[in-house]
Amino acid sequence: MALPERKQVEEELLDPTAIHRNYRRQRIKRRAREERARERNLARLRFWLALTAVVATSIGLAIVIWNQIQSLFGL
């Protein structure tokens, strides 16, 4: 038994802008992924800077308080 004849895909049925739209979509996705990675890195940097500032302020305040206690009570 013979196979049924395959229908030829007409070039007019294909969307001529589909390839360009797909490239554009992929570029947008890649740009968004890179932007998310950049924002994540900046957030990580802000966190560590804020944590360092809080720890440094705490240590400085502890030193000032300790000096005041020493001068007040003569330790």
PDB file of N, CA and C in Angstrom:
ATOM      1  N   MET A   1       0.850  -1.172   0.000  1.00  0.00           N
ATOM      2  CA  MET A   1       0.000   0.000   0.000  1.00  0.00           C
ATOM      3  C   MET A   1       0.896   1.235   0.000  1.00  0.00           C
ATOM      4  N   ALA A   2       0.550   2.151  -0.805  1.00  0.00           N
ATOM      5  CA  ALA A   2       1.353   3.365  -0.962  1.00  0.00           C
ATOM      6  C   ALA A   2       1.050   4.341   0.165  1.00  0.00           C
ATOM      7  N   LEU A   3       2.069   5.123   0.491  1.00  0.00           N
ATOM      8  CA  LEU A   3       1.905   6.155   1.517  1.00  0.00           C
ATOM      9  C   LEU A   3       1.115   7.322   0.927  1.00  0.00           C
ATOM     10  N   PRO A   4       0.355   8.009   1.794  1.00  0.00           N
ATOM     11  CA  PRO A   4      -0.375   9.174   1.279  1.00  0.00           C
ATOM     12  C   PRO A   4       0.601  10.267   0.866  1.00  0.00           C
ATOM     13  N   GLU A   5       0.213  11.007  -0.109  1.00  0.00           N
ATOM     14  CA  GLU A   5       1.075  12.072  -0.619  1.00  0.00           C
ATOM     15  C   GLU A   5       1.226  13.167   0.427  1.00  0.00           C
ATOM     16  N   ARG A   6       2.465  13.606   0.627  1.00  0.00           N
ATOM     17  CA  ARG A   6       2.725  14.680   1.588  1.00  0.00           C
ATOM     18  C   ARG A   6       2.362  16.007   0.954  1.00  0.00           C
ATOM     19  N   LYS A   7       1.754  16.838   1.754  1.00  0.00           N
ATOM     20  CA  LYS A   7       1.396  18.165   1.266  1.00  0.00           C
ATOM     21  C   LYS A   7       2.605  19.082   1.384  1.00  0.00           C
ATOM     22  N   GLN A   8       2.858  19.829   0.380  1.00  0.00           N
ATOM     23  CA  GLN A   8       3.963  20.772   0.381  1.00  0.00           C
ATOM     24  C   GLN A   8       3.575  22.006   1.185  1.00  0.00           C
ATOM     25  N   VAL A   9       4.497  22.462   2.033  1.00  0.00           N
ATOM     26  CA  VAL A   9       4.252  23.669   2.818  1.00  0.00           C
ATOM     27  C   VAL A   9       4.524  24.860   1.915  1.00  0.00           C
ATOM     28  N   GLU A  10       3.537  25.667   1.781  1.00  0.00           N
ATOM     29  CA  GLU A  10       3.708  26.844   0.933  1.00  0.00           C
ATOM     30  C   GLU A  10       4.458  27.919   1.694  1.00  0.00           C
ATOM     31  N   GLU A  11       5.348  28.582   0.999  1.00  0.00           N
ATOM     32  CA  GLU A  11       6.142  29.639   1.612  1.00  0.00           C
ATOM     33  C   GLU A  11       5.264  30.800   2.062  1.00  0.00           C
ATOM     34  N   GLU A  12       4.132  30.997   1.416  1.00  0.00           N
ATOM     35  CA  GLU A  12       3.263  32.115   1.774  1.00  0.00           C
ATOM     36  C   GLU A  12       2.605  31.916   3.132  1.00  0.00           C
ATOM     37  N   LEU A  13       2.511  30.657   3.589  1.00  0.00           N
ATOM     38  CA  LEU A  13       1.872  30.390   4.876  1.00  0.00           C
ATOM     39  C   LEU A  13       2.799  30.705   6.045  1.00  0.00           C
ATOM     40  N   LEU A  14       4.097  30.714   5.809  1.00  0.00           N
ATOM     41  CA  LEU A  14       5.035  31.000   6.882  1.00  0.00           C
ATOM     42  C   LEU A  14       5.079  32.497   7.148  1.00  0.00           C
ATOM     43  N   ASP A  15       5.187  32.832   8.414  1.00  0.00           N
ATOM     44  CA  ASP A  15       5.251  34.240   8.801  1.00  0.00           C
ATOM     45  C   ASP A  15       6.677  34.748   8.565  1.00  0.00           C
ATOM     46  N   PRO A  16       6.859  35.725   7.705  1.00  0.00           N
ATOM     47  CA  PRO A  16       8.221  36.194   7.409  1.00  0.00           C
ATOM     48  C   PRO A  16       8.872  36.931   8.577  1.00  0.00           C
ATOM     49  N   THR A  17       8.098  37.416   9.513  1.00  0.00           N
ATOM     50  CA  THR A  17       8.679  38.151  10.644  1.00  0.00           C
ATOM     51  C   THR A  17       8.842  37.278  11.887  1.00  0.00           C
ATOM     52  N   ALA A  18       8.505  35.994  11.787  1.00  0.00           N
ATOM     53  CA  ALA A  18       8.560  35.118  12.964  1.00  0.00           C
ATOM     54  C   ALA A  18       9.982  34.985  13.494  1.00  0.00           C
ATOM     55  N   ILE A  19      10.946  34.872  12.611  1.00  0.00           N
ATOM     56  CA  ILE A  19      12.336  34.709  13.045  1.00  0.00           C
ATOM     57  C   ILE A  19      12.815  35.962  13.765  1.00  0.00           C
ATOM     58  N   HIS A  20      12.532  37.121  13.185  1.00  0.00           N
ATOM     59  CA  HIS A  20      12.956  38.373  13.804  1.00  0.00           C
ATOM     60  C   HIS A  20      12.262  38.603  15.146  1.00  0.00           C
ATOM     61  N   ARG A  21      10.992  38.242  15.231  1.00  0.00           N
ATOM     62  CA  ARG A  21      10.282  38.381  16.508  1.00  0.00           C
ATOM     63  C   ARG A  21      10.867  37.448  17.558  1.00  0.00           C
ATOM     64  N   ASN A  22      11.230  36.242  17.155  1.00  0.00           N
ATOM     65  CA  ASN A  22      11.815  35.293  18.101  1.00  0.00           C
ATOM     66  C   ASN A  22      13.177  35.791  18.581  1.00  0.00           C
ATOM     67  N   TYR A  23      14.010  36.306  17.662  1.00  0.00           N
ATOM     68  CA  TYR A  23      15.291  36.884  18.067  1.00  0.00           C
ATOM     69  C   TYR A  23      15.088  38.032  19.039  1.00  0.00           C
ATOM     70  N   ARG A  24      14.136  38.893  18.740  1.00  0.00           N
ATOM     71  CA  ARG A  24      13.863  40.047  19.601  1.00  0.00           C
ATOM     72  C   ARG A  24      13.396  39.590  20.980  1.00  0.00           C
ATOM     73  N   ARG A  25      12.514  38.580  20.994  1.00  0.00           N
ATOM     74  CA  ARG A  25      12.014  38.055  22.265  1.00  0.00           C
ATOM     75  C   ARG A  25      13.157  37.464  23.088  1.00  0.00           C
ATOM     76  N   GLN A  26      14.050  36.728  22.435  1.00  0.00           N
ATOM     77  CA  GLN A  26      15.186  36.137  23.136  1.00  0.00           C
ATOM     78  C   GLN A  26      16.137  37.213  23.658  1.00  0.00           C
ATOM     79  N   ARG A  27      16.338  38.274  22.868  1.00  0.00           N
ATOM     80  CA  ARG A  27      17.186  39.378  23.343  1.00  0.00           C
ATOM     81  C   ARG A  27      16.578  40.048  24.559  1.00  0.00           C
ATOM     82  N   ILE A  28      15.268  40.237  24.542  1.00  0.00           N
ATOM     83  CA  ILE A  28      14.584  40.861  25.680  1.00  0.00           C
ATOM     84  C   ILE A  28      14.698  39.971  26.916  1.00  0.00           C
ATOM     85  N   LYS A  29      14.519  38.661  26.733  1.00  0.00           N
ATOM     86  CA  LYS A  29      14.644  37.740  27.866  1.00  0.00           C
ATOM     87  C   LYS A  29      16.063  37.749  28.424  1.00  0.00           C
ATOM     88  N   ARG A  30      17.059  37.756  27.534  1.00  0.00           N
ATOM     89  CA  ARG A  30      18.452  37.776  27.982  1.00  0.00           C
ATOM     90  C   ARG A  30      18.755  39.070  28.718  1.00  0.00           C
ATOM     91  N   ARG A  31      18.261  40.202  28.186  1.00  0.00           N
ATOM     92  CA  ARG A  31      18.476  41.493  28.833  1.00  0.00           C
ATOM     93  C   ARG A  31      17.820  41.524  30.205  1.00  0.00           C
ATOM     94  N   ALA A  32      16.628  40.967  30.333  1.00  0.00           N
ATOM     95  CA  ALA A  32      15.937  40.919  31.627  1.00  0.00           C
ATOM     96  C   ALA A  32      16.696  40.028  32.610  1.00  0.00           C
ATOM     97  N   ARG A  33      17.216  38.905  32.113  1.00  0.00           N
ATOM     98  CA  ARG A  33      17.986  38.005  32.985  1.00  0.00           C
ATOM     99  C   ARG A  33      19.261  38.689  33.473  1.00  0.00           C
ATOM    100  N   GLU A  34      19.937  39.410  32.584  1.00  0.00           N
ATOM    101  CA  GLU A  34      21.140  40.142  32.983  1.00  0.00           C
ATOM    102  C   GLU A  34      20.811  41.260  33.961  1.00  0.00           C
ATOM    103  N   GLU A  35      19.683  41.931  33.746  1.00  0.00           N
ATOM    104  CA  GLU A  35      19.267  43.002  34.654  1.00  0.00           C
ATOM    105  C   GLU A  35      18.954  42.451  36.042  1.00  0.00           C
ATOM    106  N   ARG A  36      18.283  41.295  36.094  1.00  0.00           N
ATOM    107  CA  ARG A  36      17.997  40.670  37.397  1.00  0.00           C
ATOM    108  C   ARG A  36      19.291  40.288  38.105  1.00  0.00           C
ATOM    109  N   ALA A  37      20.255  39.758  37.369  1.00  0.00           N
ATOM    110  CA  ALA A  37      21.537  39.393  37.982  1.00  0.00           C
ATOM    111  C   ALA A  37      22.252  40.640  38.492  1.00  0.00           C
ATOM    112  N   ARG A  38      22.210  41.721  37.718  1.00  0.00           N
ATOM    113  CA  ARG A  38      22.848  42.976  38.144  1.00  0.00           C
ATOM    114  C   ARG A  38      22.169  43.520  39.395  1.00  0.00           C
ATOM    115  N   GLU A  39      20.841  43.500  39.428  1.00  0.00           N
ATOM    116  CA  GLU A  39      20.105  43.985  40.602  1.00  0.00           C
ATOM    117  C   GLU A  39      20.393  43.116  41.823  1.00  0.00           C
ATOM    118  N   ARG A  40      20.505  41.812  41.613  1.00  0.00           N
ATOM    119  CA  ARG A  40      20.809  40.907  42.724  1.00  0.00           C
ATOM    120  C   ARG A  40      22.192  41.213  43.295  1.00  0.00           C
ATOM    121  N   ASN A  41      23.161  41.452  42.423  1.00  0.00           N
ATOM    122  CA  ASN A  41      24.507  41.798  42.887  1.00  0.00           C
ATOM    123  C   ASN A  41      24.517  43.127  43.633  1.00  0.00           C
ATOM    124  N   LEU A  42      23.778  44.107  43.118  1.00  0.00           N
ATOM    125  CA  LEU A  42      23.709  45.401  43.812  1.00  0.00           C
ATOM    126  C   LEU A  42      23.025  45.272  45.168  1.00  0.00           C
ATOM    127  N   ALA A  43      21.988  44.451  45.246  1.00  0.00           N
ATOM    128  CA  ALA A  43      21.306  44.237  46.527  1.00  0.00           C
ATOM    129  C   ALA A  43      22.247  43.565  47.527  1.00  0.00           C
ATOM    130  N   ARG A  44      23.027  42.596  47.040  1.00  0.00           N
ATOM    131  CA  ARG A  44      23.998  41.929  47.911  1.00  0.00           C
ATOM    132  C   ARG A  44      25.023  42.930  48.427  1.00  0.00           C
ATOM    133  N   LEU A  45      25.508  43.807  47.564  1.00  0.00           N
ATOM    134  CA  LEU A  45      26.483  44.832  47.958  1.00  0.00           C
ATOM    135  C   LEU A  45      25.875  45.803  48.968  1.00  0.00           C
ATOM    136  N   ARG A  46      24.638  46.251  48.724  1.00  0.00           N
ATOM    137  CA  ARG A  46      23.978  47.155  49.673  1.00  0.00           C
ATOM    138  C   ARG A  46      23.810  46.498  51.033  1.00  0.00           C
ATOM    139  N   PHE A  47      23.458  45.216  51.050  1.00  0.00           N
ATOM    140  CA  PHE A  47      23.291  44.504  52.316  1.00  0.00           C
ATOM    141  C   PHE A  47      24.594  44.498  53.103  1.00  0.00           C
ATOM    142  N   TRP A  48      25.692  44.102  52.449  1.00  0.00           N
ATOM    143  CA  TRP A  48      26.963  44.021  53.168  1.00  0.00           C
ATOM    144  C   TRP A  48      27.454  45.397  53.599  1.00  0.00           C
ATOM    145  N   LEU A  49      27.216  46.431  52.793  1.00  0.00           N
ATOM    146  CA  LEU A  49      27.598  47.782  53.211  1.00  0.00           C
ATOM    147  C   LEU A  49      26.794  48.235  54.422  1.00  0.00           C
ATOM    148  N   ALA A  50      25.493  47.966  54.408  1.00  0.00           N
ATOM    149  CA  ALA A  50      24.649  48.348  55.540  1.00  0.00           C
ATOM    150  C   ALA A  50      25.049  47.572  56.794  1.00  0.00           C
ATOM    151  N   LEU A  51      25.317  46.284  56.631  1.00  0.00           N
ATOM    152  CA  LEU A  51      25.730  45.474  57.775  1.00  0.00           C
ATOM    153  C   LEU A  51      27.059  45.966  58.339  1.00  0.00           C
ATOM    154  N   THR A  52      28.001  46.293  57.473  1.00  0.00           N
ATOM    155  CA  THR A  52      29.295  46.812  57.917  1.00  0.00           C
ATOM    156  C   THR A  52      29.123  48.137  58.653  1.00  0.00           C
ATOM    157  N   ALA A  53      28.254  49.006  58.126  1.00  0.00           N
ATOM    158  CA  ALA A  53      28.017  50.294  58.780  1.00  0.00           C
ATOM    159  C   ALA A  53      27.399  50.103  60.160  1.00  0.00           C
ATOM    160  N   VAL A  54      26.458  49.189  60.287  1.00  0.00           N
ATOM    161  CA  VAL A  54      25.814  48.936  61.583  1.00  0.00           C
ATOM    162  C   VAL A  54      26.809  48.363  62.579  1.00  0.00           C
ATOM    163  N   VAL A  55      27.627  47.408  62.141  1.00  0.00           N
ATOM    164  CA  VAL A  55      28.613  46.806  63.045  1.00  0.00           C
ATOM    165  C   VAL A  55      29.652  47.835  63.462  1.00  0.00           C
ATOM    166  N   ALA A  56      30.135  48.647  62.502  1.00  0.00           N
ATOM    167  CA  ALA A  56      31.141  49.667  62.829  1.00  0.00           C
ATOM    168  C   ALA A  56      30.567  50.702  63.796  1.00  0.00           C
ATOM    169  N   THR A  57      29.322  51.105  63.573  1.00  0.00           N
ATOM    170  CA  THR A  57      28.682  52.060  64.473  1.00  0.00           C
ATOM    171  C   THR A  57      28.513  51.464  65.869  1.00  0.00           C
ATOM    172  N   SER A  58      28.137  50.205  65.919  1.00  0.00           N
ATOM    173  CA  SER A  58      27.973  49.542  67.213  1.00  0.00           C
ATOM    174  C   SER A  58      29.293  49.454  67.965  1.00  0.00           C
ATOM    175  N   ILE A  59      30.345  49.102  67.256  1.00  0.00           N
ATOM    176  CA  ILE A  59      31.664  49.010  67.908  1.00  0.00           C
ATOM    177  C   ILE A  59      32.118  50.390  68.378  1.00  0.00           C
ATOM    178  N   GLY A  60      31.939  51.396  67.535  1.00  0.00           N
ATOM    179  CA  GLY A  60      32.308  52.755  67.926  1.00  0.00           C
ATOM    180  C   GLY A  60      31.526  53.236  69.137  1.00  0.00           C
ATOM    181  N   LEU A  61      30.239  52.979  69.143  1.00  0.00           N
ATOM    182  CA  LEU A  61      29.395  53.374  70.266  1.00  0.00           C
ATOM    183  C   LEU A  61      29.793  52.629  71.537  1.00  0.00           C
ATOM    184  N   ALA A  62      30.131  51.347  71.406  1.00  0.00           N
ATOM    185  CA  ALA A  62      30.561  50.565  72.571  1.00  0.00           C
ATOM    186  C   ALA A  62      31.853  51.133  73.147  1.00  0.00           C
ATOM    187  N   ILE A  63      32.763  51.542  72.270  1.00  0.00           N
ATOM    188  CA  ILE A  63      34.022  52.127  72.753  1.00  0.00           C
ATOM    189  C   ILE A  63      33.769  53.444  73.480  1.00  0.00           C
ATOM    190  N   VAL A  64      32.922  54.286  72.912  1.00  0.00           N
ATOM    191  CA  VAL A  64      32.610  55.576  73.547  1.00  0.00           C
ATOM    192  C   VAL A  64      31.930  55.353  74.892  1.00  0.00           C
ATOM    193  N   ILE A  65      30.983  54.426  74.930  1.00  0.00           N
ATOM    194  CA  ILE A  65      30.285  54.143  76.191  1.00  0.00           C
ATOM    195  C   ILE A  65      31.261  53.593  77.224  1.00  0.00           C
ATOM    196  N   TRP A  66      32.154  52.686  76.810  1.00  0.00           N
ATOM    197  CA  TRP A  66      33.123  52.126  77.743  1.00  0.00           C
ATOM    198  C   TRP A  66      34.051  53.213  78.297  1.00  0.00           C
ATOM    199  N   ASN A  67      34.487  54.135  77.429  1.00  0.00           N
ATOM    200  CA  ASN A  67      35.332  55.230  77.899  1.00  0.00           C
ATOM    201  C   ASN A  67      34.582  56.132  78.885  1.00  0.00           C
ATOM    202  N   GLN A  68      33.308  56.384  78.630  1.00  0.00           N
ATOM    203  CA  GLN A  68      32.512  57.203  79.543  1.00  0.00           C
ATOM    204  C   GLN A  68      32.334  56.501  80.882  1.00  0.00           C
ATOM    205  N   ILE A  69      32.113  55.206  80.849  1.00  0.00           N
ATOM    206  CA  ILE A  69      31.974  54.449  82.098  1.00  0.00           C
ATOM    207  C   ILE A  69      33.280  54.479  82.884  1.00  0.00           C
ATOM    208  N   GLN A  70      34.397  54.303  82.192  1.00  0.00           N
ATOM    209  CA  GLN A  70      35.686  54.334  82.866  1.00  0.00           C
ATOM    210  C   GLN A  70      35.962  55.697  83.504  1.00  0.00           C
ATOM    211  N   SER A  71      35.661  56.753  82.769  1.00  0.00           N
ATOM    212  CA  SER A  71      35.926  58.082  83.333  1.00  0.00           C
ATOM    213  C   SER A  71      34.935  58.436  84.436  1.00  0.00           C
ATOM    214  N   LEU A  72      33.724  57.934  84.367  1.00  0.00           N
ATOM    215  CA  LEU A  72      32.705  58.247  85.357  1.00  0.00           C
ATOM    216  C   LEU A  72      32.954  57.479  86.659  1.00  0.00           C
ATOM    217  N   PHE A  73      33.265  56.200  86.574  1.00  0.00           N
ATOM    218  CA  PHE A  73      33.438  55.387  87.761  1.00  0.00           C
ATOM    219  C   PHE A  73      34.883  55.153  88.138  1.00  0.00           C
ATOM    220  N   GLY A  74      35.812  55.606  87.346  1.00  0.00           N
ATOM    221  CA  GLY A  74      37.239  55.481  87.655  1.00  0.00           C
ATOM    222  C   GLY A  74      37.720  54.054  87.617  1.00  0.00           C
ATOM    223  N   LEU A  75      37.281  53.289  86.643  1.00  0.00           N
ATOM    224  CA  LEU A  75      37.718  51.875  86.531  1.00  0.00           C
ATOM    225  C   LEU A  75      39.083  51.779  85.954  1.00  0.00           C
TER     226      LEU A  75
END
